[in-house]
Amino acid sequence: MRSGTLIGILLIVAGVLALVYQGITYTTRENVFKLGPIEANKETRKTIPLPPVIGGVALVAGIALVVAGGRK
């Protein structure tokens, strides 16, 4: 398998995942208070949004690379 075709397949997968999930969510844990054995933690969920345009561009670029790799 050529490297262009492999990169194209990876871009297609990344594009589809970006379109399906539309963001990366992660949780941070912060220590708010600690006094001896007593402590209070705060969990915050944060999301990094991924615009659908990024997923679409990755998908189109991946398809173009696969098609160009198949023609040679």
Protein backbone atom coordinates (compact mmCIF):
# COMPACT_ATOMS: atom_id res chain seq x y z
CA MET A 1 0.00 0.00 0.00
CA ARG A 2 1.38 3.40 -0.94
CA SER A 3 1.93 6.06 1.68
CA GLY A 4 -0.47 8.50 -0.03
CA THR A 5 -3.27 5.95 0.08
CA LEU A 6 -2.55 5.16 3.73
CA ILE A 7 -2.58 8.86 4.66
CA GLY A 8 -5.82 9.24 2.69
CA ILE A 9 -7.47 6.42 4.64
CA LEU A 10 -6.33 7.95 7.93
CA LEU A 11 -7.73 11.34 6.87
CA ILE A 12 -11.06 9.73 5.95
CA VAL A 13 -11.29 8.06 9.36
CA ALA A 14 -10.31 11.29 11.15
CA GLY A 15 -12.83 13.28 9.12
CA VAL A 16 -15.68 10.89 9.88
CA LEU A 17 -14.81 10.89 13.59
CA ALA A 18 -14.67 14.71 13.62
CA LEU A 19 -18.09 14.89 11.98
CA VAL A 20 -19.63 12.34 14.35
CA TYR A 21 -18.25 13.58 17.67
CA GLN A 22 -17.96 17.34 16.87
CA GLY A 23 -15.62 17.92 19.79
CA ILE A 24 -13.20 16.48 22.31
CA THR A 25 -14.47 16.30 25.89
CA TYR A 26 -12.19 15.88 28.88
CA THR A 27 -12.48 16.19 32.66
CA THR A 28 -10.16 18.13 34.94
CA ARG A 29 -9.97 17.58 38.68
CA GLU A 30 -9.03 20.49 40.92
CA ASN A 31 -8.29 20.37 44.66
CA VAL A 32 -10.43 23.11 46.22
CA PHE A 33 -9.89 22.51 49.94
CA LYS A 34 -7.69 20.28 52.04
CA LEU A 35 -7.50 20.20 55.83
CA GLY A 36 -5.83 17.10 57.19
CA PRO A 37 -7.71 14.01 56.01
CA ILE A 38 -10.64 16.13 54.75
CA GLU A 39 -10.46 17.36 51.20
CA ALA A 40 -12.84 18.71 48.57
CA ASN A 41 -12.28 18.27 44.86
CA LYS A 42 -14.01 19.90 41.94
CA GLU A 43 -14.46 18.10 38.61
CA THR A 44 -15.01 20.21 35.53
CA ARG A 45 -15.93 18.87 32.09
CA LYS A 46 -14.47 20.88 29.27
CA THR A 47 -15.06 20.52 25.54
CA ILE A 48 -12.83 21.54 22.66
CA PRO A 49 -15.26 22.09 19.79
CA LEU A 50 -14.38 20.82 16.31
CA PRO A 51 -16.21 22.67 13.55
CA PRO A 52 -17.83 20.41 10.95
CA VAL A 53 -15.79 22.19 8.28
CA ILE A 54 -12.60 20.58 9.62
CA GLY A 55 -14.14 17.12 9.39
CA GLY A 56 -15.43 17.81 5.89
CA VAL A 57 -12.07 19.08 4.66
CA ALA A 58 -10.26 16.06 6.11
CA LEU A 59 -12.81 13.74 4.51
CA VAL A 60 -12.52 15.35 1.06
CA ALA A 61 -8.72 15.45 1.24
CA GLY A 62 -8.62 11.79 2.24
CA ILE A 63 -10.88 10.76 -0.62
CA ALA A 64 -8.75 12.77 -3.05
CA LEU A 65 -5.58 11.05 -1.86
CA VAL A 66 -7.13 7.59 -2.12
CA VAL A 67 -8.42 8.30 -5.63
CA ALA A 68 -5.09 9.80 -6.73
CA GLY A 69 -3.23 6.81 -5.29
CA GLY A 70 -5.48 4.36 -7.09
CA ARG A 71 -4.99 5.96 -10.52
CA LYS A 72 -1.24 5.46 -10.65
